[in-house]
Amino acid sequence: VAGLIGHLITATRPKGDHLRLVGRSRSATVAGELLSQV
């Protein structure tokens, strides 16, 4: 089950913001967002 959920998170995360937001403890700066995409 953990492996399946891990795969679903990895496959789904690039499609929206929700999973990124729930995994964060604070907001990212513009520079942080830029590098995270690269």
Full PDB file with SEQRES, HELIX, SHEET, SSBOND, CRYST1, ORIGX, SCALE, CONECT and MASTER records, all heavy atoms in Angstrom:
SEQRES   1 A   38  VAL ALA GLY LEU ILE GLY HIS LEU ILE THR ALA THR ARG          
SEQRES   2 A   38  PRO LYS GLY ASP HIS LEU ARG LEU VAL GLY ARG SER ARG          
SEQRES   3 A   38  SER ALA THR VAL ALA GLY GLU LEU LEU SER GLN VAL              
HELIX    1 AA1 ALA A    2  THR A   12  1                                  11    
HELIX    2 AA2 ARG A   13  LYS A   15  5                                   3    
HELIX    3 AA3 HIS A   18  VAL A   22  1                                   5    
HELIX    4 AA4 VAL A   30  GLN A   37  1                                   8    
CRYST1    1.000    1.000    1.000  90.00  90.00  90.00 P 1           1          
ORIGX1      1.000000  0.000000  0.000000        0.00000                         
ORIGX2      0.000000  1.000000  0.000000        0.00000                         
ORIGX3      0.000000  0.000000  1.000000        0.00000                         
SCALE1      1.000000  0.000000  0.000000        0.00000                         
SCALE2      0.000000  1.000000  0.000000        0.00000                         
SCALE3      0.000000  0.000000  1.000000        0.00000                         
ATOM      1  N   VAL A   1       0.832  -1.206   0.000  1.00  0.00           N  
ATOM      2  CA  VAL A   1       0.000   0.000   0.000  1.00  0.00           C  
ATOM      3  C   VAL A   1       0.868   1.258   0.000  1.00  0.00           C  
ATOM      4  O   VAL A   1       0.595   2.226  -0.727  1.00  0.00           O  
ATOM      5  CB  VAL A   1      -0.956  -0.005   1.206  1.00  0.00           C  
ATOM      6  CG1 VAL A   1      -1.680   1.334   1.327  1.00  0.00           C  
ATOM      7  CG2 VAL A   1      -1.966  -1.135   1.077  1.00  0.00           C  
ATOM      8  N   ALA A   2       1.929   1.273   0.804  1.00  0.00           N  
ATOM      9  CA  ALA A   2       2.825   2.433   0.848  1.00  0.00           C  
ATOM     10  C   ALA A   2       3.478   2.677  -0.503  1.00  0.00           C  
ATOM     11  O   ALA A   2       3.604   3.823  -0.956  1.00  0.00           O  
ATOM     12  CB  ALA A   2       3.898   2.234   1.923  1.00  0.00           C  
ATOM     13  N   GLY A   3       3.897   1.598  -1.172  1.00  0.00           N  
ATOM     14  CA  GLY A   3       4.490   1.754  -2.497  1.00  0.00           C  
ATOM     15  C   GLY A   3       3.512   2.303  -3.503  1.00  0.00           C  
ATOM     16  O   GLY A   3       3.854   3.139  -4.344  1.00  0.00           O  
ATOM     17  N   LEU A   4       2.252   1.822  -3.438  1.00  0.00           N  
ATOM     18  CA  LEU A   4       1.228   2.319  -4.360  1.00  0.00           C  
ATOM     19  C   LEU A   4       0.951   3.796  -4.131  1.00  0.00           C  
ATOM     20  O   LEU A   4       0.872   4.593  -5.085  1.00  0.00           O  
ATOM     21  CB  LEU A   4      -0.054   1.510  -4.173  1.00  0.00           C  
ATOM     22  CG  LEU A   4      -1.270   1.973  -4.990  1.00  0.00           C  
ATOM     23  CD1 LEU A   4      -0.978   1.908  -6.479  1.00  0.00           C  
ATOM     24  CD2 LEU A   4      -2.510   1.138  -4.636  1.00  0.00           C  
ATOM     25  N   ILE A   5       0.820   4.194  -2.856  1.00  0.00           N  
ATOM     26  CA  ILE A   5       0.562   5.602  -2.549  1.00  0.00           C  
ATOM     27  C   ILE A   5       1.753   6.471  -2.978  1.00  0.00           C  
ATOM     28  O   ILE A   5       1.571   7.564  -3.520  1.00  0.00           O  
ATOM     29  CB  ILE A   5       0.267   5.781  -1.047  1.00  0.00           C  
ATOM     30  CG1 ILE A   5      -1.033   5.058  -0.684  1.00  0.00           C  
ATOM     31  CG2 ILE A   5       0.165   7.264  -0.694  1.00  0.00           C  
ATOM     32  CD1 ILE A   5      -1.334   5.054   0.803  1.00  0.00           C  
ATOM     33  N   GLY A   6       2.979   5.982  -2.750  1.00  0.00           N  
ATOM     34  CA  GLY A   6       4.154   6.729  -3.187  1.00  0.00           C  
ATOM     35  C   GLY A   6       4.162   6.947  -4.684  1.00  0.00           C  
ATOM     36  O   GLY A   6       4.491   8.032  -5.175  1.00  0.00           O  
ATOM     37  N   HIS A   7       3.790   5.901  -5.434  1.00  0.00           N  
ATOM     38  CA  HIS A   7       3.728   6.031  -6.898  1.00  0.00           C  
ATOM     39  C   HIS A   7       2.652   7.030  -7.308  1.00  0.00           C  
ATOM     40  O   HIS A   7       2.873   7.871  -8.197  1.00  0.00           O  
ATOM     41  CB  HIS A   7       3.445   4.674  -7.519  1.00  0.00           C  
ATOM     42  CG  HIS A   7       3.220   4.726  -9.002  1.00  0.00           C  
ATOM     43  ND1 HIS A   7       4.244   4.985  -9.900  1.00  0.00           N  
ATOM     44  CD2 HIS A   7       2.086   4.594  -9.745  1.00  0.00           C  
ATOM     45  CE1 HIS A   7       3.752   4.994 -11.131  1.00  0.00           C  
ATOM     46  NE2 HIS A   7       2.457   4.765 -11.060  1.00  0.00           N  
ATOM     47  N   LEU A   8       1.486   6.977  -6.663  1.00  0.00           N  
ATOM     48  CA  LEU A   8       0.403   7.902  -7.007  1.00  0.00           C  
ATOM     49  C   LEU A   8       0.796   9.350  -6.709  1.00  0.00           C  
ATOM     50  O   LEU A   8       0.488  10.265  -7.480  1.00  0.00           O  
ATOM     51  CB  LEU A   8      -0.859   7.530  -6.236  1.00  0.00           C  
ATOM     52  CG  LEU A   8      -1.537   6.219  -6.654  1.00  0.00           C  
ATOM     53  CD1 LEU A   8      -2.672   5.878  -5.702  1.00  0.00           C  
ATOM     54  CD2 LEU A   8      -2.054   6.318  -8.089  1.00  0.00           C  
ATOM     55  N   ILE A   9       1.473   9.571  -5.582  1.00  0.00           N  
ATOM     56  CA  ILE A   9       1.915  10.926  -5.247  1.00  0.00           C  
ATOM     57  C   ILE A   9       2.890  11.446  -6.301  1.00  0.00           C  
ATOM     58  O   ILE A   9       2.771  12.573  -6.778  1.00  0.00           O  
ATOM     59  CB  ILE A   9       2.566  10.943  -3.847  1.00  0.00           C  
ATOM     60  CG1 ILE A   9       1.504  10.732  -2.768  1.00  0.00           C  
ATOM     61  CG2 ILE A   9       3.317  12.252  -3.605  1.00  0.00           C  
ATOM     62  CD1 ILE A   9       2.079  10.577  -1.369  1.00  0.00           C  
ATOM     63  N   THR A  10       3.874  10.621  -6.666  1.00  0.00           N  
ATOM     64  CA  THR A  10       4.877  11.040  -7.645  1.00  0.00           C  
ATOM     65  C   THR A  10       4.244  11.337  -8.996  1.00  0.00           C  
ATOM     66  O   THR A  10       4.616  12.304  -9.673  1.00  0.00           O  
ATOM     67  CB  THR A  10       5.958   9.951  -7.794  1.00  0.00           C  
ATOM     68  OG1 THR A  10       6.550   9.705  -6.505  1.00  0.00           O  
ATOM     69  CG2 THR A  10       7.037  10.383  -8.760  1.00  0.00           C  
ATOM     70  N   ALA A  11       3.278  10.514  -9.401  1.00  0.00           N  
ATOM     71  CA  ALA A  11       2.639  10.700 -10.708  1.00  0.00           C  
ATOM     72  C   ALA A  11       1.680  11.883 -10.729  1.00  0.00           C  
ATOM     73  O   ALA A  11       1.508  12.541 -11.761  1.00  0.00           O  
ATOM     74  CB  ALA A  11       1.898   9.429 -11.102  1.00  0.00           C  
ATOM     75  N   THR A  12       1.069  12.171  -9.576  1.00  0.00           N  
ATOM     76  CA  THR A  12       0.027  13.202  -9.526  1.00  0.00           C  
ATOM     77  C   THR A  12       0.567  14.584  -9.183  1.00  0.00           C  
ATOM     78  O   THR A  12       0.022  15.602  -9.615  1.00  0.00           O  
ATOM     79  CB  THR A  12      -1.044  12.802  -8.489  1.00  0.00           C  
ATOM     80  OG1 THR A  12      -1.533  11.498  -8.795  1.00  0.00           O  
ATOM     81  CG2 THR A  12      -2.207  13.786  -8.484  1.00  0.00           C  
ATOM     82  N   ARG A  13       1.639  14.663  -8.427  1.00  0.00           N  
ATOM     83  CA  ARG A  13       2.152  15.944  -7.926  1.00  0.00           C  
ATOM     84  C   ARG A  13       2.400  16.987  -9.007  1.00  0.00           C  
ATOM     85  O   ARG A  13       2.067  18.167  -8.815  1.00  0.00           O  
ATOM     86  CB  ARG A  13       3.425  15.698  -7.113  1.00  0.00           C  
ATOM     87  CG  ARG A  13       3.953  16.924  -6.387  1.00  0.00           C  
ATOM     88  CD  ARG A  13       4.980  16.521  -5.348  1.00  0.00           C  
ATOM     89  NE  ARG A  13       5.907  15.524  -5.874  1.00  0.00           N  
ATOM     90  CZ  ARG A  13       6.678  14.766  -5.095  1.00  0.00           C  
ATOM     91  NH1 ARG A  13       6.618  14.872  -3.783  1.00  0.00           N  
ATOM     92  NH2 ARG A  13       7.515  13.895  -5.631  1.00  0.00           N  
ATOM     93  N   PRO A  14       2.958  16.633 -10.174  1.00  0.00           N  
ATOM     94  CA  PRO A  14       3.211  17.673 -11.187  1.00  0.00           C  
ATOM     95  C   PRO A  14       1.950  18.283 -11.801  1.00  0.00           C  
ATOM     96  O   PRO A  14       2.039  19.308 -12.476  1.00  0.00           O  
ATOM     97  CB  PRO A  14       4.014  16.914 -12.268  1.00  0.00           C  
ATOM     98  CG  PRO A  14       4.571  15.710 -11.581  1.00  0.00           C  
ATOM     99  CD  PRO A  14       3.539  15.337 -10.578  1.00  0.00           C  
ATOM    100  N   LYS A  15       0.786  17.670 -11.562  1.00  0.00           N  
ATOM    101  CA  LYS A  15      -0.438  18.115 -12.224  1.00  0.00           C  
ATOM    102  C   LYS A  15      -1.156  19.229 -11.480  1.00  0.00           C  
ATOM    103  O   LYS A  15      -2.127  19.801 -11.993  1.00  0.00           O  
ATOM    104  CB  LYS A  15      -1.386  16.925 -12.410  1.00  0.00           C  
ATOM    105  CG  LYS A  15      -0.779  15.794 -13.235  1.00  0.00           C  
ATOM    106  CD  LYS A  15      -1.706  14.596 -13.288  1.00  0.00           C  
ATOM    107  CE  LYS A  15      -1.066  13.443 -14.053  1.00  0.00           C  
ATOM    108  NZ  LYS A  15      -1.937  12.244 -14.088  1.00  0.00           N  
ATOM    109  N   GLY A  16      -0.737  19.531 -10.262  1.00  0.00           N  
ATOM    110  CA  GLY A  16      -1.425  20.562  -9.494  1.00  0.00           C  
ATOM    111  C   GLY A  16      -0.598  21.026  -8.314  1.00  0.00           C  
ATOM    112  O   GLY A  16       0.554  20.622  -8.141  1.00  0.00           O  
ATOM    113  N   ASP A  17      -1.210  21.861  -7.472  1.00  0.00           N  
ATOM    114  CA  ASP A  17      -0.507  22.446  -6.336  1.00  0.00           C  
ATOM    115  C   ASP A  17      -0.797  21.754  -5.006  1.00  0.00           C  
ATOM    116  O   ASP A  17      -0.025  21.899  -4.056  1.00  0.00           O  
ATOM    117  CB  ASP A  17      -0.878  23.927  -6.188  1.00  0.00           C  
ATOM    118  CG  ASP A  17      -0.333  24.777  -7.321  1.00  0.00           C  
ATOM    119  OD1 ASP A  17       0.671  24.370  -7.934  1.00  0.00           O  
ATOM    120  OD2 ASP A  17      -0.914  25.843  -7.589  1.00  0.00           O  
ATOM    121  N   HIS A  18      -1.904  21.030  -4.918  1.00  0.00           N  
ATOM    122  CA  HIS A  18      -2.362  20.543  -3.615  1.00  0.00           C  
ATOM    123  C   HIS A  18      -1.312  19.689  -2.909  1.00  0.00           C  
ATOM    124  O   HIS A  18      -1.000  19.921  -1.729  1.00  0.00           O  
ATOM    125  CB  HIS A  18      -3.665  19.749  -3.772  1.00  0.00           C  
ATOM    126  CG  HIS A  18      -4.156  19.174  -2.479  1.00  0.00           C  
ATOM    127  ND1 HIS A  18      -4.670  19.970  -1.456  1.00  0.00           N  
ATOM    128  CD2 HIS A  18      -4.197  17.888  -2.013  1.00  0.00           C  
ATOM    129  CE1 HIS A  18      -5.004  19.199  -0.435  1.00  0.00           C  
ATOM    130  NE2 HIS A  18      -4.737  17.943  -0.742  1.00  0.00           N  
ATOM    131  N   LEU A  19      -0.757  18.693  -3.602  1.00  0.00           N  
ATOM    132  CA  LEU A  19       0.195  17.801  -2.942  1.00  0.00           C  
ATOM    133  C   LEU A  19       1.473  18.535  -2.549  1.00  0.00           C  
ATOM    134  O   LEU A  19       2.099  18.209  -1.534  1.00  0.00           O  
ATOM    135  CB  LEU A  19       0.520  16.619  -3.851  1.00  0.00           C  
ATOM    136  CG  LEU A  19      -0.609  15.603  -4.025  1.00  0.00           C  
ATOM    137  CD1 LEU A  19      -0.231  14.545  -5.055  1.00  0.00           C  
ATOM    138  CD2 LEU A  19      -0.958  14.949  -2.698  1.00  0.00           C  
ATOM    139  N   ARG A  20       1.869  19.507  -3.349  1.00  0.00           N  
ATOM    140  CA  ARG A  20       3.042  20.306  -2.974  1.00  0.00           C  
ATOM    141  C   ARG A  20       2.755  21.107  -1.704  1.00  0.00           C  
ATOM    142  O   ARG A  20       3.606  21.229  -0.822  1.00  0.00           O  
ATOM    143  CB  ARG A  20       3.427  21.250  -4.108  1.00  0.00           C  
ATOM    144  CG  ARG A  20       3.868  20.549  -5.387  1.00  0.00           C  
ATOM    145  CD  ARG A  20       4.286  21.576  -6.437  1.00  0.00           C  
ATOM    146  NE  ARG A  20       4.561  20.953  -7.724  1.00  0.00           N  
ATOM    147  CZ  ARG A  20       5.723  20.401  -8.067  1.00  0.00           C  
ATOM    148  NH1 ARG A  20       6.713  20.406  -7.195  1.00  0.00           N  
ATOM    149  NH2 ARG A  20       5.886  19.854  -9.251  1.00  0.00           N  
ATOM    150  N   LEU A  21       1.548  21.675  -1.617  1.00  0.00           N  
ATOM    151  CA  LEU A  21       1.218  22.517  -0.480  1.00  0.00           C  
ATOM    152  C   LEU A  21       1.116  21.722   0.815  1.00  0.00           C  
ATOM    153  O   LEU A  21       1.607  22.164   1.868  1.00  0.00           O  
ATOM    154  CB  LEU A  21      -0.102  23.255  -0.752  1.00  0.00           C  
ATOM    155  CG  LEU A  21      -0.056  24.308  -1.869  1.00  0.00           C  
ATOM    156  CD1 LEU A  21      -1.441  24.870  -2.122  1.00  0.00           C  
ATOM    157  CD2 LEU A  21       0.912  25.423  -1.512  1.00  0.00           C  
ATOM    158  N   VAL A  22       0.491  20.544   0.773  1.00  0.00           N  
ATOM    159  CA  VAL A  22       0.342  19.773   2.008  1.00  0.00           C  
ATOM    160  C   VAL A  22       1.677  19.202   2.476  1.00  0.00           C  
ATOM    161  O   VAL A  22       1.828  18.844   3.649  1.00  0.00           O  
ATOM    162  CB  VAL A  22      -0.679  18.625   1.839  1.00  0.00           C  
ATOM    163  CG1 VAL A  22      -2.050  19.183   1.530  1.00  0.00           C  
ATOM    164  CG2 VAL A  22      -0.234  17.638   0.769  1.00  0.00           C  
ATOM    165  N   GLY A  23       2.651  19.144   1.582  1.00  0.00           N  
ATOM    166  CA  GLY A  23       3.967  18.657   1.964  1.00  0.00           C  
ATOM    167  C   GLY A  23       4.900  19.738   2.466  1.00  0.00           C  
ATOM    168  O   GLY A  23       6.039  19.453   2.836  1.00  0.00           O  
ATOM    169  N   ARG A  24       4.429  20.988   2.488  1.00  0.00           N  
ATOM    170  CA  ARG A  24       5.279  22.094   2.913  1.00  0.00           C  
ATOM    171  C   ARG A  24       4.945  22.539   4.330  1.00  0.00           C  
ATOM    172  O   ARG A  24       3.801  22.483   4.763  1.00  0.00           O  
ATOM    173  CB  ARG A  24       5.098  23.288   1.973  1.00  0.00           C  
ATOM    174  CG  ARG A  24       5.661  23.057   0.576  1.00  0.00           C  
ATOM    175  CD  ARG A  24       5.471  24.280  -0.296  1.00  0.00           C  
ATOM    176  NE  ARG A  24       6.115  24.102  -1.593  1.00  0.00           N  
ATOM    177  CZ  ARG A  24       6.128  25.025  -2.547  1.00  0.00           C  
ATOM    178  NH1 ARG A  24       5.543  26.197  -2.346  1.00  0.00           N  
ATOM    179  NH2 ARG A  24       6.729  24.793  -3.700  1.00  0.00           N  
ATOM    180  N   SER A  25       5.968  23.013   5.009  1.00  0.00           N  
ATOM    181  CA  SER A  25       5.768  23.574   6.339  1.00  0.00           C  
ATOM    182  C   SER A  25       5.726  25.098   6.311  1.00  0.00           C  
ATOM    183  O   SER A  25       5.431  25.723   7.326  1.00  0.00           O  
ATOM    184  CB  SER A  25       6.883  23.105   7.282  1.00  0.00           C  
ATOM    185  OG  SER A  25       8.156  23.504   6.787  1.00  0.00           O  
ATOM    186  N   ARG A  26       6.034  25.692   5.174  1.00  0.00           N  
ATOM    187  CA  ARG A  26       5.984  27.148   5.012  1.00  0.00           C  
ATOM    188  C   ARG A  26       5.969  27.477   3.524  1.00  0.00           C  
ATOM    189  O   ARG A  26       6.144  26.598   2.674  1.00  0.00           O  
ATOM    190  CB  ARG A  26       7.182  27.831   5.667  1.00  0.00           C  
ATOM    191  CG  ARG A  26       8.517  27.243   5.300  1.00  0.00           C  
ATOM    192  CD  ARG A  26       9.663  28.173   5.602  1.00  0.00           C  
ATOM    193  NE  ARG A  26       9.674  29.310   4.670  1.00  0.00           N  
ATOM    194  CZ  ARG A  26      10.725  30.128   4.541  1.00  0.00           C  
ATOM    195  NH1 ARG A  26      11.803  29.945   5.286  1.00  0.00           N  
ATOM    196  NH2 ARG A  26      10.699  31.115   3.685  1.00  0.00           N  
ATOM    197  N   SER A  27       5.746  28.755   3.216  1.00  0.00           N  
ATOM    198  CA  SER A  27       5.710  29.184   1.824  1.00  0.00           C  
ATOM    199  C   SER A  27       7.126  29.281   1.258  1.00  0.00           C  
ATOM    200  O   SER A  27       8.090  29.513   1.995  1.00  0.00           O  
ATOM    201  CB  SER A  27       5.025  30.552   1.708  1.00  0.00           C  
ATOM    202  OG  SER A  27       3.687  30.474   2.169  1.00  0.00           O  
ATOM    203  N   ALA A  28       7.231  29.095  -0.036  1.00  0.00           N  
ATOM    204  CA  ALA A  28       8.523  29.214  -0.710  1.00  0.00           C  
ATOM    205  C   ALA A  28       8.668  30.608  -1.309  1.00  0.00           C  
ATOM    206  O   ALA A  28       7.690  31.242  -1.714  1.00  0.00           O  
ATOM    207  CB  ALA A  28       8.644  28.169  -1.811  1.00  0.00           C  
ATOM    208  N   THR A  29       9.890  31.101  -1.372  1.00  0.00           N  
ATOM    209  CA  THR A  29      10.162  32.363  -2.045  1.00  0.00           C  
ATOM    210  C   THR A  29      10.127  32.157  -3.554  1.00  0.00           C  
ATOM    211  O   THR A  29      10.076  31.019  -4.048  1.00  0.00           O  
ATOM    212  CB  THR A  29      11.545  32.905  -1.653  1.00  0.00           C  
ATOM    213  OG1 THR A  29      12.547  31.970  -2.099  1.00  0.00           O  
ATOM    214  CG2 THR A  29      11.652  33.076  -0.143  1.00  0.00           C  
ATOM    215  N   VAL A  30      10.171  33.252  -4.290  1.00  0.00           N  
ATOM    216  CA  VAL A  30      10.195  33.151  -5.751  1.00  0.00           C  
ATOM    217  C   VAL A  30      11.425  32.383  -6.210  1.00  0.00           C  
ATOM    218  O   VAL A  30      11.350  31.521  -7.091  1.00  0.00           O  
ATOM    219  CB  VAL A  30      10.159  34.561  -6.386  1.00  0.00           C  
ATOM    220  CG1 VAL A  30      10.303  34.465  -7.907  1.00  0.00           C  
ATOM    221  CG2 VAL A  30       8.860  35.278  -6.027  1.00  0.00           C  
ATOM    222  N   ALA A  31      12.582  32.682  -5.601  1.00  0.00           N  
ATOM    223  CA  ALA A  31      13.811  31.974  -5.974  1.00  0.00           C  
ATOM    224  C   ALA A  31      13.698  30.486  -5.660  1.00  0.00           C  
ATOM    225  O   ALA A  31      14.144  29.630  -6.439  1.00  0.00           O  
ATOM    226  CB  ALA A  31      15.007  32.578  -5.246  1.00  0.00           C  
ATOM    227  N   GLY A  32      13.085  30.163  -4.518  1.00  0.00           N  
ATOM    228  CA  GLY A  32      12.904  28.764  -4.156  1.00  0.00           C  
ATOM    229  C   GLY A  32      12.001  28.034  -5.124  1.00  0.00           C  
ATOM    230  O   GLY A  32      12.260  26.889  -5.508  1.00  0.00           O  
ATOM    231  N   GLU A  33      10.906  28.687  -5.532  1.00  0.00           N  
ATOM    232  CA  GLU A  33      10.002  28.082  -6.518  1.00  0.00           C  
ATOM    233  C   GLU A  33      10.715  27.868  -7.847  1.00  0.00           C  
ATOM    234  O   GLU A  33      10.551  26.832  -8.502  1.00  0.00           O  
ATOM    235  CB  GLU A  33       8.778  28.976  -6.727  1.00  0.00           C  
ATOM    236  CG  GLU A  33       7.809  29.015  -5.575  1.00  0.00           C  
ATOM    237  CD  GLU A  33       6.941  27.762  -5.494  1.00  0.00           C  
ATOM    238  OE1 GLU A  33       7.180  26.805  -6.264  1.00  0.00           O  
ATOM    239  OE2 GLU A  33       6.037  27.751  -4.643  1.00  0.00           O  
ATOM    240  N   LEU A  34      11.504  28.851  -8.252  1.00  0.00           N  
ATOM    241  CA  LEU A  34      12.206  28.763  -9.526  1.00  0.00           C  
ATOM    242  C   LEU A  34      13.138  27.547  -9.555  1.00  0.00           C  
ATOM    243  O   LEU A  34      13.090  26.731 -10.487  1.00  0.00           O  
ATOM    244  CB  LEU A  34      13.004  30.045  -9.768  1.00  0.00           C  
ATOM    245  CG  LEU A  34      13.894  30.076 -11.017  1.00  0.00           C  
ATOM    246  CD1 LEU A  34      13.044  30.040 -12.279  1.00  0.00           C  
ATOM    247  CD2 LEU A  34      14.764  31.343 -11.009  1.00  0.00           C  
ATOM    248  N   LEU A  35      13.968  27.428  -8.536  1.00  0.00           N  
ATOM    249  CA  LEU A  35      14.928  26.331  -8.527  1.00  0.00           C  
ATOM    250  C   LEU A  35      14.248  24.974  -8.372  1.00  0.00           C  
ATOM    251  O   LEU A  35      14.707  23.975  -8.932  1.00  0.00           O  
ATOM    252  CB  LEU A  35      15.942  26.535  -7.405  1.00  0.00           C  
ATOM    253  CG  LEU A  35      17.102  27.466  -7.765  1.00  0.00           C  
ATOM    254  CD1 LEU A  35      17.902  27.824  -6.534  1.00  0.00           C  
ATOM    255  CD2 LEU A  35      18.016  26.824  -8.803  1.00  0.00           C  
ATOM    256  N   SER A  36      13.143  24.926  -7.632  1.00  0.00           N  
ATOM    257  CA  SER A  36      12.462  23.645  -7.430  1.00  0.00           C  
ATOM    258  C   SER A  36      11.933  23.075  -8.734  1.00  0.00           C  
ATOM    259  O   SER A  36      11.776  21.856  -8.864  1.00  0.00           O  
ATOM    260  CB  SER A  36      11.317  23.807  -6.424  1.00  0.00           C  
ATOM    261  OG  SER A  36      10.246  24.556  -6.981  1.00  0.00           O  
ATOM    262  N   GLN A  37      11.647  23.953  -9.703  1.00  0.00           N  
ATOM    263  CA  GLN A  37      11.154  23.487 -10.996  1.00  0.00           C  
ATOM    264  C   GLN A  37      12.277  23.049 -11.924  1.00  0.00           C  
ATOM    265  O   GLN A  37      12.028  22.400 -12.945  1.00  0.00           O  
ATOM    266  CB  GLN A  37      10.345  24.600 -11.676  1.00  0.00           C  
ATOM    267  CG  GLN A  37       9.150  25.079 -10.885  1.00  0.00           C  
ATOM    268  CD  GLN A  37       8.201  23.949 -10.524  1.00  0.00           C  
ATOM    269  OE1 GLN A  37       7.779  23.185 -11.384  1.00  0.00           O  
ATOM    270  NE2 GLN A  37       7.873  23.832  -9.248  1.00  0.00           N  
ATOM    271  N   VAL A  38      13.502  23.399 -11.601  1.00  0.00           N  
ATOM    272  CA  VAL A  38      14.645  23.111 -12.472  1.00  0.00           C  
ATOM    273  C   VAL A  38      15.427  21.884 -12.009  1.00  0.00           C  
ATOM    274  O   VAL A  38      15.927  21.112 -12.836  1.00  0.00           O  
ATOM    275  CB  VAL A  38      15.587  24.338 -12.536  1.00  0.00           C  
ATOM    276  CG1 VAL A  38      16.865  24.022 -13.292  1.00  0.00           C  
ATOM    277  CG2 VAL A  38      14.865  25.516 -13.183  1.00  0.00           C  
TER     278      VAL A  38                                                      
MASTER        0    0    0    4    0    0    0    6  277    1    0    3          
END                                                                             
